């Protein structure tokens, strides 16, 4: 079992990973001369609409954005068992792959 400090570290790492993806999404929209979306949800919806992302991926993006929002705003209500299961199953891997893609 992870200590409270380790759990906080895991949550912070996920938060930063997701926030970096949101920032990259906004950069990609800007590179295509698209209007910048106000919310992270709208950013990834626009990326799907412009063909940067597969529209079938939108639900996954909405889920990780929701996780990020819960980490930031409701940290006392996070189910760490679910978070650790998500990481163990590498279900966050698509975020890493998105970040590794070149901005072009």
Protein backbone atom coordinates (compact mmCIF):
# COMPACT_ATOMS: atom_id res chain seq x y z
CA UNK A 1 0.00 0.00 0.00
CA UNK A 2 1.17 3.48 -0.78
CA UNK A 3 1.67 6.07 1.92
CA UNK A 4 -0.37 9.25 1.83
CA UNK A 5 2.65 11.10 0.44
CA UNK A 6 3.13 8.51 -2.31
CA UNK A 7 -0.56 8.69 -3.20
CA UNK A 8 -0.30 12.46 -3.47
CA UNK A 9 2.72 12.02 -5.74
CA UNK A 10 0.84 9.64 -8.03
CA UNK A 11 -2.11 12.03 -8.27
CA UNK A 12 0.14 15.01 -8.92
CA UNK A 13 2.01 13.14 -11.67
CA UNK A 14 -1.29 12.27 -13.38
CA UNK A 15 -2.49 15.85 -13.01
CA UNK A 16 0.67 17.24 -14.62
CA UNK A 17 0.57 14.64 -17.42
CA UNK A 18 -3.03 15.51 -18.28
CA UNK A 19 -2.43 19.26 -18.01
CA UNK A 20 0.50 18.96 -20.42
CA UNK A 21 -1.76 17.15 -22.88
CA UNK A 22 -4.36 19.91 -22.57
CA UNK A 23 -1.68 22.51 -23.25
CA UNK A 24 -0.43 20.58 -26.27
CA UNK A 25 -3.99 20.29 -27.56
CA UNK A 26 -4.31 24.06 -27.42
CA UNK A 27 -0.97 24.43 -29.25
CA UNK A 28 -2.19 22.08 -31.98
CA UNK A 29 -5.36 24.13 -32.44
CA UNK A 30 -3.34 27.33 -32.60
CA UNK A 31 -0.98 25.79 -35.18
CA UNK A 32 -4.02 25.10 -37.37
CA UNK A 33 -5.26 28.68 -36.95
CA UNK A 34 -8.29 27.37 -35.07
CA UNK A 35 -9.93 29.42 -32.33
CA UNK A 36 -8.74 28.40 -28.91
CA UNK A 37 -11.32 26.55 -26.88
CA UNK A 38 -12.25 27.81 -23.45
CA UNK A 39 -12.43 24.43 -21.72
CA UNK A 40 -10.24 21.36 -21.96
CA UNK A 41 -13.30 19.39 -23.05
CA UNK A 42 -13.86 21.81 -25.93
CA UNK A 43 -10.18 21.63 -26.88
CA UNK A 44 -10.33 17.89 -27.47
CA UNK A 45 -13.71 18.11 -29.16
CA UNK A 46 -12.19 20.62 -31.60
CA UNK A 47 -9.17 18.36 -32.16
CA UNK A 48 -11.57 15.58 -33.14
CA UNK A 49 -13.58 17.90 -35.39
CA UNK A 50 -10.43 19.07 -37.21
CA UNK A 51 -9.16 15.52 -37.73
CA UNK A 52 -6.18 15.77 -35.39
CA UNK A 53 -7.70 13.08 -33.17
CA UNK A 54 -9.99 10.18 -33.93
CA UNK A 55 -13.52 11.09 -32.74
CA UNK A 56 -13.69 7.62 -31.14
CA UNK A 57 -11.03 8.82 -28.67
CA UNK A 58 -13.10 11.73 -27.36
CA UNK A 59 -14.72 9.72 -24.55
CA UNK A 60 -11.27 8.70 -23.25
CA UNK A 61 -10.10 12.32 -23.31
CA UNK A 62 -13.23 13.47 -21.51
CA UNK A 63 -12.60 10.80 -18.86
CA UNK A 64 -9.00 11.86 -18.18
CA UNK A 65 -9.98 15.53 -18.14
CA UNK A 66 -12.64 14.62 -15.59
CA UNK A 67 -10.03 12.75 -13.56
CA UNK A 68 -7.76 15.79 -13.65
CA UNK A 69 -10.63 17.99 -12.49
CA UNK A 70 -11.38 15.62 -9.61
CA UNK A 71 -7.71 15.56 -8.60
CA UNK A 72 -7.59 19.36 -8.55
CA UNK A 73 -10.98 20.10 -7.01
CA UNK A 74 -12.13 16.99 -5.11
CA UNK A 75 -8.94 15.28 -3.99
CA UNK A 76 -10.61 13.88 -0.88
CA UNK A 77 -13.08 11.95 -3.05
CA UNK A 78 -10.55 10.14 -5.26
CA UNK A 79 -10.70 6.35 -5.20
CA UNK A 80 -7.00 5.49 -5.12
CA UNK A 81 -7.69 1.82 -5.86
CA UNK A 82 -9.27 2.86 -9.17
CA UNK A 83 -6.42 5.26 -9.95
CA UNK A 84 -3.80 2.60 -9.25
CA UNK A 85 -5.73 0.06 -11.35
CA UNK A 86 -5.84 2.59 -14.21
CA UNK A 87 -2.07 3.02 -14.01
CA UNK A 88 -1.37 -0.71 -13.64
CA UNK A 89 -3.43 -1.39 -16.78
CA UNK A 90 -1.62 1.48 -18.56
CA UNK A 91 -4.96 3.02 -19.48
CA UNK A 92 -3.28 6.43 -19.37
CA UNK A 93 -0.87 5.41 -22.13
CA UNK A 94 -2.81 7.22 -24.85
CA UNK A 95 -2.04 10.50 -23.08
CA UNK A 96 1.69 9.75 -23.17
CA UNK A 97 1.46 8.76 -26.85
CA UNK A 98 -0.33 12.03 -27.62
CA UNK A 99 2.41 14.00 -25.86
CA UNK A 100 5.12 12.16 -27.82
CA UNK A 101 3.56 13.05 -31.18
CA UNK A 102 5.30 15.92 -32.98
CA UNK A 103 3.55 19.25 -33.25
CA UNK A 104 3.27 19.88 -36.97
